C-alpha atoms as a PDB file:
ATOM      1  CA  UNK A   1       0.000   0.000   0.000  1.00  0.00           C
ATOM      2  CA  UNK A   2       1.413   3.399  -0.935  1.00  0.00           C
ATOM      3  CA  UNK A   3       1.900   6.225   1.518  1.00  0.00           C
ATOM      4  CA  UNK A   4      -0.899   8.184  -0.157  1.00  0.00           C
ATOM      5  CA  UNK A   5      -3.300   5.244   0.100  1.00  0.00           C
ATOM      6  CA  UNK A   6      -2.425   4.804   3.790  1.00  0.00           C
ATOM      7  CA  UNK A   7      -3.035   8.503   4.400  1.00  0.00           C
ATOM      8  CA  UNK A   8      -6.461   8.330   2.738  1.00  0.00           C
ATOM      9  CA  UNK A   9      -7.441   5.307   4.852  1.00  0.00           C
ATOM     10  CA  UNK A  10      -6.188   7.026   8.017  1.00  0.00           C
ATOM     11  CA  UNK A  11      -8.151  10.211   7.268  1.00  0.00           C
ATOM     12  CA  UNK A  12     -11.303   8.193   6.544  1.00  0.00           C
ATOM     13  CA  UNK A  13     -10.859   6.263   9.794  1.00  0.00           C
ATOM     14  CA  UNK A  14     -10.345   9.423  11.861  1.00  0.00           C
ATOM     15  CA  UNK A  15     -13.290  11.086  10.108  1.00  0.00           C
ATOM     16  CA  UNK A  16     -15.549   8.283  11.295  1.00  0.00           C
ATOM     17  CA  UNK A  17     -14.268   8.643  14.846  1.00  0.00           C
ATOM     18  CA  UNK A  18     -14.893  12.371  14.979  1.00  0.00           C
ATOM     19  CA  UNK A  19     -18.677  12.373  14.570  1.00  0.00           C
ATOM     20  CA  UNK A  20     -19.761  14.444  17.583  1.00  0.00           C
ATOM     21  CA  UNK A  21     -22.564  13.126  19.753  1.00  0.00           C
ATOM     22  CA  UNK A  22     -24.164  14.475  22.878  1.00  0.00           C
ATOM     23  CA  UNK A  23     -25.598  11.702  25.001  1.00  0.00           C
ATOM     24  CA  UNK A  24     -25.735  13.394  28.381  1.00  0.00           C
ATOM     25  CA  UNK A  25     -29.075  14.840  29.427  1.00  0.00           C
ATOM     26  CA  UNK A  26     -30.278  17.003  32.262  1.00  0.00           C
ATOM     27  CA  UNK A  27     -31.331  13.714  33.881  1.00  0.00           C
ATOM     28  CA  UNK A  28     -27.650  13.015  34.586  1.00  0.00           C
ATOM     29  CA  UNK A  29     -27.711  15.868  37.104  1.00  0.00           C
ATOM     30  CA  UNK A  30     -29.717  13.713  39.524  1.00  0.00           C
ATOM     31  CA  UNK A  31     -26.634  11.717  40.486  1.00  0.00           C
ATOM     32  CA  UNK A  32     -24.459  14.623  41.599  1.00  0.00           C
ATOM     33  CA  UNK A  33     -24.207  16.244  45.027  1.00  0.00           C
ATOM     34  CA  UNK A  34     -22.428  19.222  46.542  1.00  0.00           C
ATOM     35  CA  UNK A  35     -19.063  18.070  47.843  1.00  0.00           C
ATOM     36  CA  UNK A  36     -18.533  15.503  45.058  1.00  0.00           C
ATOM     37  CA  UNK A  37     -14.950  15.366  43.830  1.00  0.00           C
ATOM     38  CA  UNK A  38     -14.068  16.922  40.499  1.00  0.00           C
ATOM     39  CA  UNK A  39     -12.817  13.496  39.376  1.00  0.00           C
ATOM     40  CA  UNK A  40     -16.242  11.949  40.055  1.00  0.00           C
ATOM     41  CA  UNK A  41     -18.039  14.678  38.109  1.00  0.00           C
ATOM     42  CA  UNK A  42     -15.582  14.369  35.216  1.00  0.00           C
ATOM     43  CA  UNK A  43     -16.216  10.612  35.201  1.00  0.00           C
ATOM     44  CA  UNK A  44     -20.000  11.127  35.089  1.00  0.00           C
ATOM     45  CA  UNK A  45     -19.620  13.537  32.153  1.00  0.00           C
ATOM     46  CA  UNK A  46     -16.647  11.869  30.476  1.00  0.00           C
ATOM     47  CA  UNK A  47     -15.508  12.557  26.944  1.00  0.00           C
ATOM     48  CA  UNK A  48     -15.241   9.242  25.120  1.00  0.00           C
ATOM     49  CA  UNK A  49     -13.750   8.477  21.736  1.00  0.00           C
ATOM     50  CA  UNK A  50     -14.488   5.304  19.803  1.00  0.00           C
ATOM     51  CA  UNK A  51     -14.067   4.308  16.180  1.00  0.00           C
ATOM     52  CA  UNK A  52     -17.630   5.444  15.523  1.00  0.00           C
ATOM     53  CA  UNK A  53     -18.057   8.632  17.525  1.00  0.00           C
ATOM     54  CA  UNK A  54     -16.812  11.244  19.946  1.00  0.00           C
ATOM     55  CA  UNK A  55     -19.073  11.845  22.938  1.00  0.00           C
ATOM     56  CA  UNK A  56     -18.532  15.330  24.301  1.00  0.00           C
ATOM     57  CA  UNK A  57     -18.264  15.539  28.063  1.00  0.00           C
ATOM     58  CA  UNK A  58     -17.238  18.204  30.554  1.00  0.00           C
ATOM     59  CA  UNK A  59     -14.519  20.709  29.819  1.00  0.00           C
ATOM     60  CA  UNK A  60     -12.819  22.837  32.465  1.00  0.00           C
ATOM     61  CA  UNK A  61     -13.326  26.348  31.073  1.00  0.00           C
ATOM     62  CA  UNK A  62     -11.726  28.551  33.727  1.00  0.00           C
ATOM     63  CA  UNK A  63      -9.388  28.183  36.692  1.00  0.00           C
ATOM     64  CA  UNK A  64      -7.699  30.583  39.097  1.00  0.00           C
ATOM     65  CA  UNK A  65      -6.508  30.867  42.671  1.00  0.00           C
ATOM     66  CA  UNK A  66      -8.102  33.511  44.835  1.00  0.00           C
ATOM     67  CA  UNK A  67      -6.222  35.689  47.316  1.00  0.00           C
ATOM     68  CA  UNK A  68      -6.429  32.979  50.005  1.00  0.00           C
ATOM     69  CA  UNK A  69      -5.002  30.300  47.674  1.00  0.00           C
ATOM     70  CA  UNK A  70      -8.296  28.507  47.030  1.00  0.00           C
ATOM     71  CA  UNK A  71      -8.393  26.928  43.567  1.00  0.00           C
ATOM     72  CA  UNK A  72     -11.614  27.950  41.786  1.00  0.00           C
ATOM     73  CA  UNK A  73     -12.516  26.038  38.607  1.00  0.00           C
ATOM     74  CA  UNK A  74     -15.510  26.158  36.286  1.00  0.00           C
ATOM     75  CA  UNK A  75     -16.483  23.124  34.242  1.00  0.00           C
ATOM     76  CA  UNK A  76     -18.979  23.215  31.416  1.00  0.00           C
ATOM     77  CA  UNK A  77     -20.987  20.451  29.807  1.00  0.00           C
ATOM     78  CA  UNK A  78     -23.599  20.717  27.069  1.00  0.00           C
ATOM     79  CA  UNK A  79     -26.661  18.697  28.050  1.00  0.00           C
ATOM     80  CA  UNK A  80     -29.581  17.646  25.913  1.00  0.00           C
ATOM     81  CA  UNK A  81     -32.657  19.501  27.064  1.00  0.00           C
ATOM     82  CA  UNK A  82     -35.324  17.220  28.575  1.00  0.00           C
ATOM     83  CA  UNK A  83     -38.209  19.004  26.794  1.00  0.00           C
ATOM     84  CA  UNK A  84     -36.502  19.707  23.457  1.00  0.00           C
ATOM     85  CA  UNK A  85     -34.174  16.859  22.483  1.00  0.00           C
ATOM     86  CA  UNK A  86     -32.738  19.011  19.671  1.00  0.00           C
ATOM     87  CA  UNK A  87     -31.417  21.692  22.036  1.00  0.00           C
ATOM     88  CA  UNK A  88     -28.135  21.537  23.917  1.00  0.00           C
ATOM     89  CA  UNK A  89     -27.953  23.766  26.980  1.00  0.00           C
ATOM     90  CA  UNK A  90     -24.689  24.607  28.734  1.00  0.00           C
ATOM     91  CA  UNK A  91     -24.510  23.718  32.417  1.00  0.00           C
ATOM     92  CA  UNK A  92     -21.741  25.087  34.586  1.00  0.00           C
ATOM     93  CA  UNK A  93     -20.094  23.458  37.580  1.00  0.00           C
ATOM     94  CA  UNK A  94     -18.121  25.401  40.179  1.00  0.00           C
ATOM     95  CA  UNK A  95     -15.336  23.593  42.029  1.00  0.00           C
ATOM     96  CA  UNK A  96     -13.374  24.826  45.048  1.00  0.00           C
ATOM     97  CA  UNK A  97     -10.154  22.921  45.691  1.00  0.00           C
ATOM     98  CA  UNK A  98     -11.446  19.971  43.659  1.00  0.00           C
ATOM     99  CA  UNK A  99     -14.905  19.750  45.272  1.00  0.00           C
ATOM    100  CA  UNK A 100     -18.226  20.612  43.647  1.00  0.00           C
ATOM    101  CA  UNK A 101     -19.832  23.663  45.217  1.00  0.00           C
ATOM    102  CA  UNK A 102     -22.568  24.750  42.782  1.00  0.00           C
ATOM    103  CA  UNK A 103     -23.951  23.915  39.365  1.00  0.00           C
ATOM    104  CA  UNK A 104     -26.697  25.126  37.065  1.00  0.00           C
ATOM    105  CA  UNK A 105     -27.721  26.763  33.816  1.00  0.00           C
ATOM    106  CA  UNK A 106     -26.165  30.052  32.713  1.00  0.00           C
ATOM    107  CA  UNK A 107     -29.143  32.105  33.877  1.00  0.00           C
ATOM    108  CA  UNK A 108     -28.542  30.815  37.429  1.00  0.00           C
ATOM    109  CA  UNK A 109     -24.980  32.181  37.576  1.00  0.00           C
ATOM    110  CA  UNK A 110     -25.169  35.951  37.859  1.00  0.00           C
ATOM    111  CA  UNK A 111     -24.735  35.921  41.651  1.00  0.00           C
ATOM    112  CA  UNK A 112     -22.144  33.127  41.544  1.00  0.00           C
ATOM    113  CA  UNK A 113     -19.941  34.902  39.017  1.00  0.00           C
ATOM    114  CA  UNK A 114     -20.037  38.097  41.072  1.00  0.00           C
ATOM    115  CA  UNK A 115     -19.195  36.268  44.299  1.00  0.00           C
ATOM    116  CA  UNK A 116     -16.293  34.302  42.792  1.00  0.00           C
ATOM    117  CA  UNK A 117     -15.229  36.869  40.171  1.00  0.00           C
ATOM    118  CA  UNK A 118     -15.347  34.250  37.436  1.00  0.00           C
ATOM    119  CA  UNK A 119     -14.331  35.408  33.995  1.00  0.00           C
ATOM    120  CA  UNK A 120     -14.748  32.997  31.065  1.00  0.00           C
ATOM    121  CA  UNK A 121     -16.502  32.803  27.743  1.00  0.00           C
ATOM    122  CA  UNK A 122     -19.339  30.294  27.979  1.00  0.00           C
ATOM    123  CA  UNK A 123     -20.764  28.293  25.125  1.00  0.00           C
ATOM    124  CA  UNK A 124     -24.072  29.413  23.664  1.00  0.00           C
ATOM    125  CA  UNK A 125     -27.042  27.029  23.531  1.00  0.00           C
ATOM    126  CA  UNK A 126     -26.844  24.806  20.453  1.00  0.00           C
ATOM    127  CA  UNK A 127     -29.692  23.439  18.365  1.00  0.00           C
ATOM    128  CA  UNK A 128     -29.252  20.080  16.624  1.00  0.00           C
ATOM    129  CA  UNK A 129     -31.149  19.731  13.373  1.00  0.00           C
END
């Protein structure tokens, strides 16, 4: 097999593996609790890659240490809306020193962002058609 033929096969194989899917729903939120470790939450909303698809999970979107040395992190995951299965809604998760403190939809975060002085660019809701 020539180098060009191998490259074409490799690109086709990777192309199949990169089909994005979103399998997590707002129903997944029922299994989380304040105080859960960041590792547990990342495992619940894991990004997985197979030959057929890429399932998008949580991404850590912002991190900083405050004046007292506390590590503040914000994770984001796009969840399928329970009422409209064609709409992905961002949900944000606030961690302090690796423990979950708060989570919710963007509209729930005005007070949280002011309290923690969080600065990041969130994802917009996405519609799947």
